[in-house]
Amino acid sequence: MTDSNQRLQQWAHAMTIVAGAAAAVTLVTGLVLFKLNSDEQERVATLGVLQEHLKLSVEHPQFADGKYVGDEKEQYEWFASHALFTAETIYLMQEGDEGWEQTVRGIVERHANYLVSEKQRCQDFNPKFIEFVRGAVPGLNCESR
């Protein structure tokens, strides 16, 4: 093999290594950007869930703080169930984020009287969420199966 052929072959090997490294960097960059985009989409979806709850709170201000008058109990129970669903959804989507967990705790605590005084179908909720709710509302009243 001539000297120029040998140099050309070494150069080709070097370029193969460079191309492989560039592909690896591109792959890692793509994965990082995918994760960042996924996290952002999850935050946007979480905000949408919270906004829907806040919209209902504005439409039904008499229920937003966990209060109702006698004949409104059925409507309040619907509202409280929706609030729990909202809290669970946010909790599961943003688990471990202290700011979001504080938001969830606020939603749950507003309905503490209801959660303590009325039997709840805790088995319908995620066990981790129920554990979180028990921390916010120690007297959570779960019905037995």
Foldseek 3Di string as FASTA:
>chain_A
DDPVVVVVVVVVVVVVVVVVVVVVVVVVVVVVVVVVVVLVVLVVVLVVLVVVLVVVCVVCVCLQQQHDDDVCVVVNVVNLVSLLVSLLSQCVSPPPPVVSLVVSLVSLLSNLVVQQPDADQCVVGDPVSVVSSCVSRVNGHHDDD
